[in-house]
Amino acid sequence: MSKGIGKVAYRPLGIVAGIAAGAIAGAIFRQVWKMTGDGDAPSPTDEDRHWGEILAAAALQGAIFAVVRAAVDRGGAVGVRRLTGRWPD
């Protein structure tokens, strides 16, 4: 199988996986933030919240998103390799 087929096979999977990763990461972040006992995560424009709280929430959300996205992308690439015999580039 040519190298291009693996890449083409991964492209639609990557798009769907990215959307799913965002939804999963958002759900995980909301659950983790609830454990802080601070209610809903602060919005950057919430004037009643302090800079530290807003930046901490953003950093946590970014870290969770990056880990989930990497796990989903890696899983998708492994799946394409199993189906096509090639690693998507």
C-alpha atoms as a PDB file:
ATOM      1  CA  MET A   1       0.000   0.000   0.000  1.00  0.00           C
ATOM      2  CA  SER A   2       1.414   3.397  -0.870  1.00  0.00           C
ATOM      3  CA  LYS A   3       2.421   5.935   1.735  1.00  0.00           C
ATOM      4  CA  GLY A   4      -0.271   8.350   0.525  1.00  0.00           C
ATOM      5  CA  ILE A   5      -3.106   5.925   1.268  1.00  0.00           C
ATOM      6  CA  GLY A   6      -2.206   5.777   4.960  1.00  0.00           C
ATOM      7  CA  LYS A   7      -2.163   9.553   5.106  1.00  0.00           C
ATOM      8  CA  VAL A   8      -5.476   9.841   3.237  1.00  0.00           C
ATOM      9  CA  ALA A   9      -7.056   7.188   5.446  1.00  0.00           C
ATOM     10  CA  TYR A  10      -5.933   9.051   8.564  1.00  0.00           C
ATOM     11  CA  ARG A  11      -7.131  12.515   7.530  1.00  0.00           C
ATOM     12  CA  PRO A  12     -10.912  11.989   8.082  1.00  0.00           C
ATOM     13  CA  LEU A  13     -10.204   9.918  11.165  1.00  0.00           C
ATOM     14  CA  GLY A  14      -7.977  12.709  12.498  1.00  0.00           C
ATOM     15  CA  ILE A  15     -10.711  15.306  12.031  1.00  0.00           C
ATOM     16  CA  VAL A  16     -13.318  13.221  13.835  1.00  0.00           C
ATOM     17  CA  ALA A  17     -10.795  12.287  16.518  1.00  0.00           C
ATOM     18  CA  GLY A  18      -9.950  15.945  17.072  1.00  0.00           C
ATOM     19  CA  ILE A  19     -13.591  16.836  17.615  1.00  0.00           C
ATOM     20  CA  ALA A  20     -14.035  13.890  19.963  1.00  0.00           C
ATOM     21  CA  ALA A  21     -10.843  14.788  21.845  1.00  0.00           C
ATOM     22  CA  GLY A  22     -12.136  18.314  22.421  1.00  0.00           C
ATOM     23  CA  ALA A  23     -15.420  17.036  23.809  1.00  0.00           C
ATOM     24  CA  ILE A  24     -13.709  14.460  26.023  1.00  0.00           C
ATOM     25  CA  ALA A  25     -11.159  16.983  27.289  1.00  0.00           C
ATOM     26  CA  GLY A  26     -13.910  19.477  28.087  1.00  0.00           C
ATOM     27  CA  ALA A  27     -15.820  16.885  30.101  1.00  0.00           C
ATOM     28  CA  ILE A  28     -12.689  15.834  31.985  1.00  0.00           C
ATOM     29  CA  PHE A  29     -11.782  19.457  32.730  1.00  0.00           C
ATOM     30  CA  ARG A  30     -15.239  20.215  34.111  1.00  0.00           C
ATOM     31  CA  GLN A  31     -15.032  17.182  36.419  1.00  0.00           C
ATOM     32  CA  VAL A  32     -11.510  18.048  37.588  1.00  0.00           C
ATOM     33  CA  TRP A  33     -12.478  21.675  38.185  1.00  0.00           C
ATOM     34  CA  LYS A  34     -15.491  20.588  40.260  1.00  0.00           C
ATOM     35  CA  MET A  35     -13.030  18.832  42.593  1.00  0.00           C
ATOM     36  CA  THR A  36     -11.575  22.229  43.480  1.00  0.00           C
ATOM     37  CA  GLY A  37     -14.909  23.048  45.126  1.00  0.00           C
ATOM     38  CA  ASP A  38     -14.990  26.347  43.267  1.00  0.00           C
ATOM     39  CA  GLY A  39     -18.108  25.698  41.175  1.00  0.00           C
ATOM     40  CA  ASP A  40     -17.873  26.359  37.460  1.00  0.00           C
ATOM     41  CA  ALA A  41     -14.540  27.220  35.881  1.00  0.00           C
ATOM     42  CA  PRO A  42     -13.982  30.954  35.590  1.00  0.00           C
ATOM     43  CA  SER A  43     -14.442  32.770  32.335  1.00  0.00           C
ATOM     44  CA  PRO A  44     -11.530  35.051  31.385  1.00  0.00           C
ATOM     45  CA  THR A  45     -13.954  37.974  31.333  1.00  0.00           C
ATOM     46  CA  ASP A  46     -15.486  37.260  34.765  1.00  0.00           C
ATOM     47  CA  GLU A  47     -14.621  40.407  36.689  1.00  0.00           C
ATOM     48  CA  ASP A  48     -15.339  38.736  40.039  1.00  0.00           C
ATOM     49  CA  ARG A  49     -12.484  36.246  39.581  1.00  0.00           C
ATOM     50  CA  HIS A  50      -8.820  36.979  40.166  1.00  0.00           C
ATOM     51  CA  TRP A  51      -6.025  36.666  37.597  1.00  0.00           C
ATOM     52  CA  GLY A  52      -4.454  33.691  39.352  1.00  0.00           C
ATOM     53  CA  GLU A  53      -7.669  31.685  39.324  1.00  0.00           C
ATOM     54  CA  ILE A  54      -8.349  32.431  35.665  1.00  0.00           C
ATOM     55  CA  LEU A  55      -4.807  31.601  34.572  1.00  0.00           C
ATOM     56  CA  ALA A  56      -4.732  28.420  36.661  1.00  0.00           C
ATOM     57  CA  ALA A  57      -7.985  27.261  35.080  1.00  0.00           C
ATOM     58  CA  ALA A  58      -6.671  28.024  31.599  1.00  0.00           C
ATOM     59  CA  ALA A  59      -3.394  26.178  32.273  1.00  0.00           C
ATOM     60  CA  LEU A  60      -5.226  23.139  33.635  1.00  0.00           C
ATOM     61  CA  GLN A  61      -7.640  23.118  30.725  1.00  0.00           C
ATOM     62  CA  GLY A  62      -4.790  23.391  28.216  1.00  0.00           C
ATOM     63  CA  ALA A  63      -2.839  20.572  29.845  1.00  0.00           C
ATOM     64  CA  ILE A  64      -5.854  18.264  29.904  1.00  0.00           C
ATOM     65  CA  PHE A  65      -6.681  19.086  26.284  1.00  0.00           C
ATOM     66  CA  ALA A  66      -3.093  18.428  25.153  1.00  0.00           C
ATOM     67  CA  VAL A  67      -2.898  15.052  26.899  1.00  0.00           C
ATOM     68  CA  VAL A  68      -6.292  13.887  25.625  1.00  0.00           C
ATOM     69  CA  ARG A  69      -5.547  15.095  22.102  1.00  0.00           C
ATOM     70  CA  ALA A  70      -2.164  13.335  22.053  1.00  0.00           C
ATOM     71  CA  ALA A  71      -3.728  10.096  23.306  1.00  0.00           C
ATOM     72  CA  VAL A  72      -6.527  10.229  20.727  1.00  0.00           C
ATOM     73  CA  ASP A  73      -4.145  11.133  17.863  1.00  0.00           C
ATOM     74  CA  ARG A  74      -1.758   8.343  18.816  1.00  0.00           C
ATOM     75  CA  GLY A  75      -4.600   5.834  19.046  1.00  0.00           C
ATOM     76  CA  GLY A  76      -5.882   6.912  15.638  1.00  0.00           C
ATOM     77  CA  ALA A  77      -2.445   6.552  14.068  1.00  0.00           C
ATOM     78  CA  VAL A  78      -2.053   3.068  15.543  1.00  0.00           C
ATOM     79  CA  GLY A  79      -5.478   2.138  14.183  1.00  0.00           C
ATOM     80  CA  VAL A  80      -4.592   3.359  10.683  1.00  0.00           C
ATOM     81  CA  ARG A  81      -1.339   1.395  10.797  1.00  0.00           C
ATOM     82  CA  ARG A  82      -3.260  -1.739  11.734  1.00  0.00           C
ATOM     83  CA  LEU A  83      -5.700  -1.207   8.870  1.00  0.00           C
ATOM     84  CA  THR A  84      -3.271  -0.084   6.170  1.00  0.00           C
ATOM     85  CA  GLY A  85       0.095  -1.430   7.322  1.00  0.00           C
ATOM     86  CA  ARG A  86       1.575   2.107   7.162  1.00  0.00           C
ATOM     87  CA  TRP A  87       2.078   4.802   9.742  1.00  0.00           C
ATOM     88  CA  PRO A  88       0.311   8.034   8.746  1.00  0.00           C
ATOM     89  CA  ASP A  89       2.722  10.965   8.364  1.00  0.00           C
END
